[in-house]
Amino acid sequence: QVQLVESGGGLVQAGGSLRLSCAASGHSFSRYVMGWFRQAPGREREFVAGISWTGGRTSYEDYAKGRFTISRDNAKNTVYLQMNSLKPEDTAVYYCAAAPGVGIPTIEADFASWGQGTQVTVSS
């Protein structure tokens, strides 16, 4: 099991960029598939992106493709989400999550550990 803490959120103008970080502590970080989710007020939490153990495989929700990039540095026990060309509809609390296994899950129930979230607000 791992404990996760997100950082890097903030207020940005439409078209701008942010880089979110998720610092992990605990055992065997490199053996966890990592993912990012987001939740806007009044909406369900939704999948953003996922990454395999070594970073060789990634998965993105359609709205994130071409704009967001997930990466990880296992030596630093950290996963990142680079967000470019941000839109007001990207405004949400962003959460990182960890899932044991080898595939990349896309639903909440398949992730065992969650961070507390970091707020991203995109103004128009």
Protein backbone atom coordinates (compact mmCIF):
# COMPACT_ATOMS: atom_id res chain seq x y z
CA GLN A 1 0.00 0.00 0.00
CA VAL A 2 1.05 3.57 -0.65
CA GLN A 3 0.11 7.01 0.65
CA LEU A 4 -0.31 9.76 -1.95
CA VAL A 5 -0.12 13.56 -1.75
CA GLU A 6 -0.90 15.79 -4.74
CA SER A 7 0.46 19.27 -5.38
CA GLY A 8 0.78 21.80 -8.20
CA GLY A 9 -2.80 22.91 -8.63
CA GLY A 10 -3.81 26.53 -8.86
CA LEU A 11 -5.49 29.23 -10.91
CA VAL A 12 -4.58 29.54 -14.58
CA GLN A 13 -6.01 31.36 -17.58
CA ALA A 14 -7.51 29.42 -20.47
CA GLY A 15 -4.76 28.23 -22.79
CA GLY A 16 -2.22 28.04 -20.00
CA SER A 17 -0.41 25.09 -18.45
CA LEU A 18 0.01 23.40 -15.09
CA ARG A 19 2.07 20.45 -13.90
CA LEU A 20 0.61 18.36 -11.11
CA SER A 21 2.77 16.14 -8.92
CA CYS A 22 1.85 13.19 -6.73
CA ALA A 23 4.37 12.11 -4.10
CA ALA A 24 4.08 8.56 -2.82
CA SER A 25 5.30 6.88 0.34
CA GLY A 26 5.13 3.25 1.36
CA HIS A 27 6.13 -0.03 -0.18
CA SER A 28 6.80 -0.95 -3.77
CA PHE A 29 5.74 2.22 -5.60
CA SER A 30 7.13 0.85 -8.86
CA ARG A 31 4.76 -2.13 -8.64
CA TYR A 32 1.66 0.09 -8.77
CA VAL A 33 -0.15 1.30 -11.81
CA MET A 34 -0.78 5.02 -11.26
CA GLY A 35 -3.66 7.14 -12.45
CA TRP A 36 -5.16 10.61 -12.33
CA PHE A 37 -8.85 11.35 -11.85
CA ARG A 38 -10.75 14.61 -11.58
CA GLN A 39 -14.04 15.73 -10.06
CA ALA A 40 -15.87 18.96 -10.81
CA PRO A 41 -18.61 20.31 -8.50
CA GLY A 42 -21.84 18.40 -9.02
CA ARG A 43 -20.21 15.78 -11.23
CA GLU A 44 -18.94 12.25 -10.78
CA ARG A 45 -15.25 11.58 -10.47
CA GLU A 46 -13.83 10.71 -13.88
CA PHE A 47 -10.68 9.10 -15.23
CA VAL A 48 -8.03 11.36 -16.75
CA ALA A 49 -4.94 9.26 -17.42
CA GLY A 50 -3.04 6.16 -16.29
CA ILE A 51 0.51 4.85 -16.53
CA SER A 52 2.11 1.42 -16.22
CA TRP A 53 4.83 0.33 -13.78
CA THR A 54 7.76 1.56 -15.86
CA GLY A 55 5.98 4.29 -17.77
CA GLY A 56 6.11 2.43 -21.05
CA ARG A 57 2.35 2.34 -21.45
CA THR A 58 -0.09 5.18 -20.90
CA SER A 59 -3.82 5.59 -21.22
CA TYR A 60 -5.87 8.78 -21.62
CA GLU A 61 -9.50 9.73 -21.63
CA ASP A 62 -10.51 11.30 -24.94
CA TYR A 63 -10.71 14.86 -23.64
CA ALA A 64 -7.13 14.62 -22.35
CA LYS A 65 -5.48 13.23 -25.48
CA GLY A 66 -3.05 15.65 -27.07
CA ARG A 67 -3.24 18.10 -24.17
CA PHE A 68 -2.29 16.14 -21.04
CA THR A 69 0.76 13.95 -20.44
CA ILE A 70 1.15 11.50 -17.56
CA SER A 71 4.64 10.42 -16.50
CA ARG A 72 6.38 8.87 -13.51
CA ASP A 73 9.78 8.85 -11.86
CA ASN A 74 10.07 5.68 -9.80
CA ALA A 75 13.39 6.78 -8.30
CA LYS A 76 11.55 9.75 -6.77
CA ASN A 77 8.31 7.88 -6.02
CA THR A 78 6.42 10.53 -7.97
CA VAL A 79 3.86 10.64 -10.76
CA TYR A 80 3.12 13.77 -12.80
CA LEU A 81 0.36 15.18 -14.94
CA GLN A 82 1.43 17.88 -17.39
CA MET A 83 -1.62 19.82 -18.56
CA ASN A 84 -1.39 22.15 -21.56
CA SER A 85 -3.97 24.18 -23.46
CA LEU A 86 -6.21 24.23 -20.42
CA LYS A 87 -9.90 24.99 -20.83
CA PRO A 88 -12.45 26.26 -18.29
CA GLU A 89 -14.12 22.85 -18.40
CA ASP A 90 -10.91 21.36 -16.99
CA THR A 91 -11.69 23.07 -13.67
CA ALA A 92 -11.89 20.34 -11.03
CA VAL A 93 -10.18 18.75 -8.07
CA TYR A 94 -7.52 16.40 -9.44
CA TYR A 95 -6.66 13.19 -7.60
CA CYS A 96 -3.88 10.69 -8.06
CA ALA A 97 -4.49 7.03 -7.34
CA ALA A 98 -2.60 3.74 -7.19
CA ALA A 99 -3.71 0.30 -8.32
CA PRO A 100 -1.91 -3.00 -7.75
CA GLY A 101 -1.62 -5.14 -10.83
CA VAL A 102 -0.29 -4.90 -14.36
CA GLY A 103 -3.14 -3.45 -16.42
CA ILE A 104 -4.26 0.17 -16.38
CA PRO A 105 -7.69 0.49 -14.73
CA THR A 106 -10.02 3.36 -15.64
CA ILE A 107 -12.64 3.19 -12.88
CA GLU A 108 -12.43 4.26 -9.24
CA ALA A 109 -13.14 0.83 -7.78
CA ASP A 110 -9.96 -0.64 -9.27
CA PHE A 111 -7.66 1.82 -7.47
CA ALA A 112 -6.73 0.98 -3.89
CA SER A 113 -5.05 4.20 -2.70
CA TRP A 114 -6.01 7.85 -3.22
CA GLY A 115 -4.54 11.26 -2.54
CA GLN A 116 -6.46 14.17 -1.03
CA GLY A 117 -6.72 16.09 -4.30
CA THR A 118 -5.44 19.40 -5.62
CA GLN A 119 -7.66 22.15 -7.03
CA VAL A 120 -7.24 23.27 -10.63
CA THR A 121 -9.20 26.35 -11.70
CA VAL A 122 -9.12 27.58 -15.30
CA SER A 123 -10.53 31.04 -15.97
CA SER A 124 -12.01 32.18 -19.27
